[in-house]
């Protein structure tokens, strides 16, 4: 989940004003400490992905489900590669 820039700025401002630690801030706002530390380094949310989207042809998926109805997602993914 991506938090808006304004929200991130607000949380970090409160952290500075009240001189809270990352752990205290994370507990107070129910946010992960790793997220707060990332925000301190780079406040802007990432708007792009480094990994291309992986799409499966719908017709191929339907055929695979009909052919192997009891297959697990792992098995299905191995065949779809």
PDB file of N, CA and C in Angstrom:
ATOM      1  N   UNK A   1       0.851  -1.176   0.000  1.00  0.00           N
ATOM      2  CA  UNK A   1       0.000   0.000   0.000  1.00  0.00           C
ATOM      3  C   UNK A   1       0.895   1.236   0.000  1.00  0.00           C
ATOM      4  N   UNK A   2       0.577   2.182  -0.839  1.00  0.00           N
ATOM      5  CA  UNK A   2       1.339   3.417  -0.913  1.00  0.00           C
ATOM      6  C   UNK A   2       0.597   4.514  -0.166  1.00  0.00           C
ATOM      7  N   UNK A   3       1.286   5.122   0.776  1.00  0.00           N
ATOM      8  CA  UNK A   3       0.698   6.227   1.522  1.00  0.00           C
ATOM      9  C   UNK A   3       0.945   7.525   0.761  1.00  0.00           C
ATOM     10  N   UNK A   4      -0.018   8.442   0.787  1.00  0.00           N
ATOM     11  CA  UNK A   4       0.153   9.716   0.074  1.00  0.00           C
ATOM     12  C   UNK A   4       1.317  10.534   0.644  1.00  0.00           C
ATOM     13  N   UNK A   5       1.880  11.393  -0.189  1.00  0.00           N
ATOM     14  CA  UNK A   5       3.014  12.218   0.198  1.00  0.00           C
ATOM     15  C   UNK A   5       2.666  13.107   1.390  1.00  0.00           C
ATOM     16  N   UNK A   6       1.492  13.697   1.377  1.00  0.00           N
ATOM     17  CA  UNK A   6       1.086  14.597   2.463  1.00  0.00           C
ATOM     18  C   UNK A   6       1.035  13.852   3.806  1.00  0.00           C
ATOM     19  N   UNK A   7       0.543  12.611   3.778  1.00  0.00           N
ATOM     20  CA  UNK A   7       0.474  11.795   4.990  1.00  0.00           C
ATOM     21  C   UNK A   7       1.879  11.488   5.499  1.00  0.00           C
ATOM     22  N   UNK A   8       2.777  11.132   4.600  1.00  0.00           N
ATOM     23  CA  UNK A   8       4.154  10.831   4.978  1.00  0.00           C
ATOM     24  C   UNK A   8       4.815  12.041   5.626  1.00  0.00           C
ATOM     25  N   UNK A   9       4.619  13.208   5.021  1.00  0.00           N
ATOM     26  CA  UNK A   9       5.200  14.432   5.566  1.00  0.00           C
ATOM     27  C   UNK A   9       4.642  14.722   6.954  1.00  0.00           C
ATOM     28  N   UNK A  10       3.354  14.512   7.136  1.00  0.00           N
ATOM     29  CA  UNK A  10       2.698  14.758   8.419  1.00  0.00           C
ATOM     30  C   UNK A  10       3.274  13.851   9.504  1.00  0.00           C
ATOM     31  N   UNK A  11       3.421  12.571   9.205  1.00  0.00           N
ATOM     32  CA  UNK A  11       3.952  11.604  10.173  1.00  0.00           C
ATOM     33  C   UNK A  11       5.386  11.958  10.557  1.00  0.00           C
ATOM     34  N   UNK A  12       6.218  12.263   9.573  1.00  0.00           N
ATOM     35  CA  UNK A  12       7.609  12.609   9.872  1.00  0.00           C
ATOM     36  C   UNK A  12       7.721  13.938  10.615  1.00  0.00           C
ATOM     37  N   UNK A  13       6.817  14.862  10.346  1.00  0.00           N
ATOM     38  CA  UNK A  13       6.815  16.137  11.073  1.00  0.00           C
ATOM     39  C   UNK A  13       6.475  15.912  12.546  1.00  0.00           C
ATOM     40  N   UNK A  14       5.497  15.056  12.817  1.00  0.00           N
ATOM     41  CA  UNK A  14       5.134  14.753  14.205  1.00  0.00           C
ATOM     42  C   UNK A  14       6.296  14.056  14.905  1.00  0.00           C
ATOM     43  N   UNK A  15       6.964  13.165  14.193  1.00  0.00           N
ATOM     44  CA  UNK A  15       8.127  12.477  14.763  1.00  0.00           C
ATOM     45  C   UNK A  15       9.181  13.477  15.206  1.00  0.00           C
ATOM     46  N   UNK A  16       9.446  14.467  14.369  1.00  0.00           N
ATOM     47  CA  UNK A  16      10.447  15.488  14.701  1.00  0.00           C
ATOM     48  C   UNK A  16       9.976  16.407  15.825  1.00  0.00           C
ATOM     49  N   UNK A  17       8.708  16.862  15.765  1.00  0.00           N
ATOM     50  CA  UNK A  17       8.182  17.791  16.773  1.00  0.00           C
ATOM     51  C   UNK A  17       8.191  17.175  18.167  1.00  0.00           C
ATOM     52  N   UNK A  18       7.774  15.924  18.254  1.00  0.00           N
ATOM     53  CA  UNK A  18       7.656  15.272  19.558  1.00  0.00           C
ATOM     54  C   UNK A  18       8.905  14.470  19.916  1.00  0.00           C
ATOM     55  N   UNK A  19       9.920  14.528  19.041  1.00  0.00           N
ATOM     56  CA  UNK A  19      11.187  13.839  19.255  1.00  0.00           C
ATOM     57  C   UNK A  19      10.989  12.353  19.583  1.00  0.00           C
ATOM     58  N   UNK A  20      10.189  11.706  18.738  1.00  0.00           N
ATOM     59  CA  UNK A  20       9.906  10.279  18.894  1.00  0.00           C
ATOM     60  C   UNK A  20      10.945   9.454  18.136  1.00  0.00           C
ATOM     61  N   UNK A  21      11.140   8.241  18.577  1.00  0.00           N
ATOM     62  CA  UNK A  21      11.989   7.318  17.833  1.00  0.00           C
ATOM     63  C   UNK A  21      11.162   6.728  16.693  1.00  0.00           C
ATOM     64  N   UNK A  22      11.845   6.008  15.803  1.00  0.00           N
ATOM     65  CA  UNK A  22      11.114   5.354  14.718  1.00  0.00           C
ATOM     66  C   UNK A  22      10.141   4.321  15.280  1.00  0.00           C
ATOM     67  N   UNK A  23      10.571   3.585  16.291  1.00  0.00           N
ATOM     68  CA  UNK A  23       9.715   2.549  16.885  1.00  0.00           C
ATOM     69  C   UNK A  23       8.477   3.164  17.542  1.00  0.00           C
ATOM     70  N   UNK A  24       8.660   4.256  18.256  1.00  0.00           N
ATOM     71  CA  UNK A  24       7.525   4.919  18.906  1.00  0.00           C
ATOM     72  C   UNK A  24       6.548   5.474  17.869  1.00  0.00           C
ATOM     73  N   UNK A  25       7.077   6.066  16.825  1.00  0.00           N
ATOM     74  CA  UNK A  25       6.230   6.618  15.761  1.00  0.00           C
ATOM     75  C   UNK A  25       5.472   5.498  15.054  1.00  0.00           C
ATOM     76  N   UNK A  26       6.154   4.406  14.775  1.00  0.00           N
ATOM     77  CA  UNK A  26       5.524   3.273  14.098  1.00  0.00           C
ATOM     78  C   UNK A  26       4.394   2.704  14.935  1.00  0.00           C
ATOM     79  N   UNK A  27       4.607   2.573  16.224  1.00  0.00           N
ATOM     80  CA  UNK A  27       3.570   2.056  17.118  1.00  0.00           C
ATOM     81  C   UNK A  27       2.392   3.009  17.193  1.00  0.00           C
ATOM     82  N   UNK A  28       2.674   4.281  17.302  1.00  0.00           N
ATOM     83  CA  UNK A  28       1.603   5.288  17.428  1.00  0.00           C
ATOM     84  C   UNK A  28       0.698   5.330  16.202  1.00  0.00           C
ATOM     85  N   UNK A  29       1.286   5.210  15.014  1.00  0.00           N
ATOM     86  CA  UNK A  29       0.500   5.347  13.788  1.00  0.00           C
ATOM     87  C   UNK A  29       0.239   4.015  13.077  1.00  0.00           C
ATOM     88  N   UNK A  30       0.642   2.912  13.698  1.00  0.00           N
ATOM     89  CA  UNK A  30       0.440   1.571  13.121  1.00  0.00           C
ATOM     90  C   UNK A  30       1.055   1.449  11.727  1.00  0.00           C
ATOM     91  N   UNK A  31       2.301   1.866  11.637  1.00  0.00           N
ATOM     92  CA  UNK A  31       3.060   1.816  10.392  1.00  0.00           C
ATOM     93  C   UNK A  31       4.348   1.067  10.694  1.00  0.00           C
ATOM     94  N   UNK A  32       4.869   0.345   9.740  1.00  0.00           N
ATOM     95  CA  UNK A  32       6.113  -0.379   9.937  1.00  0.00           C
ATOM     96  C   UNK A  32       7.303   0.551  10.105  1.00  0.00           C
ATOM     97  N   UNK A  33       8.231   0.158  10.953  1.00  0.00           N
ATOM     98  CA  UNK A  33       9.429   0.983  11.165  1.00  0.00           C
ATOM     99  C   UNK A  33      10.260   1.076   9.889  1.00  0.00           C
ATOM    100  N   UNK A  34      10.285   0.002   9.106  1.00  0.00           N
ATOM    101  CA  UNK A  34      11.039   0.025   7.847  1.00  0.00           C
ATOM    102  C   UNK A  34      10.461   1.078   6.900  1.00  0.00           C
ATOM    103  N   UNK A  35       9.132   1.211   6.896  1.00  0.00           N
ATOM    104  CA  UNK A  35       8.500   2.223   6.038  1.00  0.00           C
ATOM    105  C   UNK A  35       8.934   3.618   6.464  1.00  0.00           C
ATOM    106  N   UNK A  36       8.923   3.875   7.754  1.00  0.00           N
ATOM    107  CA  UNK A  36       9.328   5.195   8.249  1.00  0.00           C
ATOM    108  C   UNK A  36      10.779   5.506   7.898  1.00  0.00           C
ATOM    109  N   UNK A  37      11.635   4.527   8.017  1.00  0.00           N
ATOM    110  CA  UNK A  37      13.047   4.744   7.687  1.00  0.00           C
ATOM    111  C   UNK A  37      13.234   5.008   6.195  1.00  0.00           C
ATOM    112  N   UNK A  38      12.456   4.295   5.363  1.00  0.00           N
ATOM    113  CA  UNK A  38      12.497   4.545   3.912  1.00  0.00           C
ATOM    114  C   UNK A  38      12.023   5.951   3.600  1.00  0.00           C
ATOM    115  N   UNK A  39      10.960   6.378   4.280  1.00  0.00           N
ATOM    116  CA  UNK A  39      10.425   7.723   4.044  1.00  0.00           C
ATOM    117  C   UNK A  39      11.443   8.790   4.436  1.00  0.00           C
ATOM    118  N   UNK A  40      12.199   8.538   5.490  1.00  0.00           N
ATOM    119  CA  UNK A  40      13.197   9.512   5.926  1.00  0.00           C
ATOM    120  C   UNK A  40      14.287   9.689   4.869  1.00  0.00           C
ATOM    121  N   UNK A  41      14.592   8.621   4.149  1.00  0.00           N
ATOM    122  CA  UNK A  41      15.598   8.691   3.081  1.00  0.00           C
ATOM    123  C   UNK A  41      15.027   9.276   1.797  1.00  0.00           C
ATOM    124  N   UNK A  42      13.808   8.857   1.457  1.00  0.00           N
ATOM    125  CA  UNK A  42      13.170   9.291   0.204  1.00  0.00           C
ATOM    126  C   UNK A  42      11.681   9.412   0.461  1.00  0.00           C
ATOM    127  N   UNK A  43      11.196  10.630   0.581  1.00  0.00           N
ATOM    128  CA  UNK A  43       9.807  10.869   0.983  1.00  0.00           C
ATOM    129  C   UNK A  43       8.797  10.620  -0.131  1.00  0.00           C
ATOM    130  N   UNK A  44       9.204  10.830  -1.395  1.00  0.00           N
ATOM    131  CA  UNK A  44       8.258  10.677  -2.501  1.00  0.00           C
ATOM    132  C   UNK A  44       7.937   9.200  -2.729  1.00  0.00           C
ATOM    133  N   UNK A  45       6.650   8.888  -2.930  1.00  0.00           N
ATOM    134  CA  UNK A  45       6.298   7.497  -3.235  1.00  0.00           C
ATOM    135  C   UNK A  45       6.804   7.095  -4.618  1.00  0.00           C
ATOM    136  N   UNK A  46       7.171   5.840  -4.760  1.00  0.00           N
ATOM    137  CA  UNK A  46       7.636   5.312  -6.036  1.00  0.00           C
ATOM    138  C   UNK A  46       6.416   5.092  -6.939  1.00  0.00           C
ATOM    139  N   UNK A  47       6.444   5.657  -8.112  1.00  0.00           N
ATOM    140  CA  UNK A  47       5.297   5.574  -9.006  1.00  0.00           C
ATOM    141  C   UNK A  47       5.496   4.585 -10.148  1.00  0.00           C
ATOM    142  N   UNK A  48       6.678   3.989 -10.238  1.00  0.00           N
ATOM    143  CA  UNK A  48       6.939   3.032 -11.303  1.00  0.00           C
ATOM    144  C   UNK A  48       7.487   1.736 -10.716  1.00  0.00           C
ATOM    145  N   UNK A  49       7.376   0.676 -11.494  1.00  0.00           N
ATOM    146  CA  UNK A  49       7.919  -0.625 -11.097  1.00  0.00           C
ATOM    147  C   UNK A  49       9.153  -0.927 -11.913  1.00  0.00           C
ATOM    148  N   UNK A  50      10.109  -1.618 -11.301  1.00  0.00           N
ATOM    149  CA  UNK A  50      11.291  -2.043 -12.033  1.00  0.00           C
ATOM    150  C   UNK A  50      11.037  -3.361 -12.759  1.00  0.00           C
ATOM    151  N   UNK A  51      10.002  -4.051 -12.343  1.00  0.00           N
ATOM    152  CA  UNK A  51       9.683  -5.355 -12.901  1.00  0.00           C
ATOM    153  C   UNK A  51       8.491  -5.217 -13.848  1.00  0.00           C
ATOM    154  N   UNK A  52       8.563  -5.794 -15.024  1.00  0.00           N
ATOM    155  CA  UNK A  52       7.409  -5.716 -15.926  1.00  0.00           C
ATOM    156  C   UNK A  52       6.247  -6.564 -15.400  1.00  0.00           C
ATOM    157  N   UNK A  53       5.058  -6.152 -15.717  1.00  0.00           N
ATOM    158  CA  UNK A  53       3.880  -6.908 -15.309  1.00  0.00           C
ATOM    159  C   UNK A  53       3.876  -8.264 -15.999  1.00  0.00           C
ATOM    160  N   UNK A  54       3.485  -9.269 -15.268  1.00  0.00           N
ATOM    161  CA  UNK A  54       3.436 -10.610 -15.858  1.00  0.00           C
ATOM    162  C   UNK A  54       1.981 -10.990 -16.096  1.00  0.00           C
ATOM    163  N   UNK A  55       1.625 -11.074 -17.322  1.00  0.00           N
ATOM    164  CA  UNK A  55       0.251 -11.410 -17.710  1.00  0.00           C
ATOM    165  C   UNK A  55       0.227 -12.787 -18.343  1.00  0.00           C
ATOM    166  N   UNK A  56      -0.836 -13.508 -18.071  1.00  0.00           N
ATOM    167  CA  UNK A  56      -1.029 -14.831 -18.659  1.00  0.00           C
ATOM    168  C   UNK A  56      -2.200 -14.727 -19.623  1.00  0.00           C
ATOM    169  N   UNK A  57      -2.060 -15.348 -20.770  1.00  0.00           N
ATOM    170  CA  UNK A  57      -3.152 -15.341 -21.741  1.00  0.00           C
ATOM    171  C   UNK A  57      -4.362 -16.039 -21.123  1.00  0.00           C
ATOM    172  N   UNK A  58      -5.488 -15.374 -21.140  1.00  0.00           N
ATOM    173  CA  UNK A  58      -6.704 -15.902 -20.507  1.00  0.00           C
ATOM    174  C   UNK A  58      -7.115 -17.255 -21.102  1.00  0.00           C
ATOM    175  N   UNK A  59      -7.033 -17.373 -22.400  1.00  0.00           N
ATOM    176  CA  UNK A  59      -7.427 -18.625 -23.053  1.00  0.00           C
ATOM    177  C   UNK A  59      -6.528 -19.778 -22.611  1.00  0.00           C
ATOM    178  N   UNK A  60      -5.216 -19.509 -22.473  1.00  0.00           N
ATOM    179  CA  UNK A  60      -4.282 -20.541 -22.032  1.00  0.00           C
ATOM    180  C   UNK A  60      -4.569 -20.949 -20.595  1.00  0.00           C
ATOM    181  N   UNK A  61      -4.935 -19.994 -19.768  1.00  0.00           N
ATOM    182  CA  UNK A  61      -5.260 -20.290 -18.374  1.00  0.00           C
ATOM    183  C   UNK A  61      -6.525 -21.141 -18.279  1.00  0.00           C
ATOM    184  N   UNK A  62      -7.535 -20.785 -19.036  1.00  0.00           N
ATOM    185  CA  UNK A  62      -8.788 -21.556 -19.039  1.00  0.00           C
ATOM    186  C   UNK A  62      -8.524 -22.989 -19.498  1.00  0.00           C
ATOM    187  N   UNK A  63      -7.752 -23.139 -20.545  1.00  0.00           N
ATOM    188  CA  UNK A  63      -7.414 -24.473 -21.046  1.00  0.00           C
ATOM    189  C   UNK A  63      -6.658 -25.284 -19.994  1.00  0.00           C
ATOM    190  N   UNK A  64      -5.734 -24.647 -19.312  1.00  0.00           N
ATOM    191  CA  UNK A  64      -4.953 -25.331 -18.282  1.00  0.00           C
ATOM    192  C   UNK A  64      -5.846 -25.763 -17.116  1.00  0.00           C
ATOM    193  N   UNK A  65      -6.783 -24.912 -16.710  1.00  0.00           N
ATOM    194  CA  UNK A  65      -7.705 -25.263 -15.616  1.00  0.00           C
ATOM    195  C   UNK A  65      -8.599 -26.428 -16.023  1.00  0.00           C
ATOM    196  N   UNK A  66      -9.052 -26.429 -17.265  1.00  0.00           N
ATOM    197  CA  UNK A  66      -9.881 -27.539 -17.745  1.00  0.00           C
ATOM    198  C   UNK A  66      -9.082 -28.836 -17.841  1.00  0.00           C
ATOM    199  N   UNK A  67      -7.838 -28.742 -18.277  1.00  0.00           N
ATOM    200  CA  UNK A  67      -6.994 -29.922 -18.438  1.00  0.00           C
ATOM    201  C   UNK A  67      -6.525 -30.480 -17.092  1.00  0.00           C
ATOM    202  N   UNK A  68      -6.133 -29.587 -16.173  1.00  0.00           N
ATOM    203  CA  UNK A  68      -5.615 -29.992 -14.858  1.00  0.00           C
ATOM    204  C   UNK A  68      -6.436 -29.305 -13.755  1.00  0.00           C
ATOM    205  N   UNK A  69      -7.658 -29.758 -13.495  1.00  0.00           N
ATOM    206  CA  UNK A  69      -8.516 -29.059 -12.532  1.00  0.00           C
ATOM    207  C   UNK A  69      -8.017 -29.106 -11.084  1.00  0.00           C
ATOM    208  N   UNK A  70      -7.227 -30.101 -10.719  1.00  0.00           N
ATOM    209  CA  UNK A  70      -6.758 -30.236  -9.338  1.00  0.00           C
ATOM    210  C   UNK A  70      -5.342 -29.709  -9.129  1.00  0.00           C
ATOM    211  N   UNK A  71      -4.783 -29.023 -10.095  1.00  0.00           N
ATOM    212  CA  UNK A  71      -3.409 -28.534 -10.000  1.00  0.00           C
ATOM    213  C   UNK A  71      -3.308 -27.389  -9.001  1.00  0.00           C
ATOM    214  N   UNK A  72      -2.154 -27.317  -8.345  1.00  0.00           N
ATOM    215  CA  UNK A  72      -1.907 -26.199  -7.432  1.00  0.00           C
ATOM    216  C   UNK A  72      -1.450 -24.987  -8.248  1.00  0.00           C
ATOM    217  N   UNK A  73      -1.424 -23.825  -7.603  1.00  0.00           N
ATOM    218  CA  UNK A  73      -0.971 -22.622  -8.302  1.00  0.00           C
ATOM    219  C   UNK A  73       0.490 -22.745  -8.713  1.00  0.00           C
ATOM    220  N   UNK A  74       1.282 -23.401  -7.880  1.00  0.00           N
ATOM    221  CA  UNK A  74       2.695 -23.594  -8.211  1.00  0.00           C
ATOM    222  C   UNK A  74       2.846 -24.428  -9.477  1.00  0.00           C
ATOM    223  N   UNK A  75       2.105 -25.529  -9.550  1.00  0.00           N
ATOM    224  CA  UNK A  75       2.177 -26.400 -10.729  1.00  0.00           C
ATOM    225  C   UNK A  75       1.704 -25.653 -11.973  1.00  0.00           C
ATOM    226  N   UNK A  76       0.638 -24.889 -11.812  1.00  0.00           N
ATOM    227  CA  UNK A  76       0.099 -24.133 -12.934  1.00  0.00           C
ATOM    228  C   UNK A  76       1.115 -23.083 -13.409  1.00  0.00           C
ATOM    229  N   UNK A  77       1.763 -22.433 -12.471  1.00  0.00           N
ATOM    230  CA  UNK A  77       2.767 -21.410 -12.822  1.00  0.00           C
ATOM    231  C   UNK A  77       3.949 -22.031 -13.565  1.00  0.00           C
ATOM    232  N   UNK A  78       4.335 -23.234 -13.169  1.00  0.00           N
ATOM    233  CA  UNK A  78       5.437 -23.919 -13.856  1.00  0.00           C
ATOM    234  C   UNK A  78       5.087 -24.202 -15.315  1.00  0.00           C
ATOM    235  N   UNK A  79       3.836 -24.575 -15.564  1.00  0.00           N
ATOM    236  CA  UNK A  79       3.420 -24.836 -16.948  1.00  0.00           C
ATOM    237  C   UNK A  79       3.243 -23.572 -17.756  1.00  0.00           C
ATOM    238  N   UNK A  80       2.920 -22.456 -17.119  1.00  0.00           N
ATOM    239  CA  UNK A  80       2.638 -21.204 -17.832  1.00  0.00           C
ATOM    240  C   UNK A  80       3.894 -20.420 -18.199  1.00  0.00           C
ATOM    241  N   UNK A  81       5.041 -20.821 -17.713  1.00  0.00           N
ATOM    242  CA  UNK A  81       6.269 -20.066 -18.000  1.00  0.00           C
ATOM    243  C   UNK A  81       6.600 -20.027 -19.455  1.00  0.00           C
TER     244      UNK A  81
END
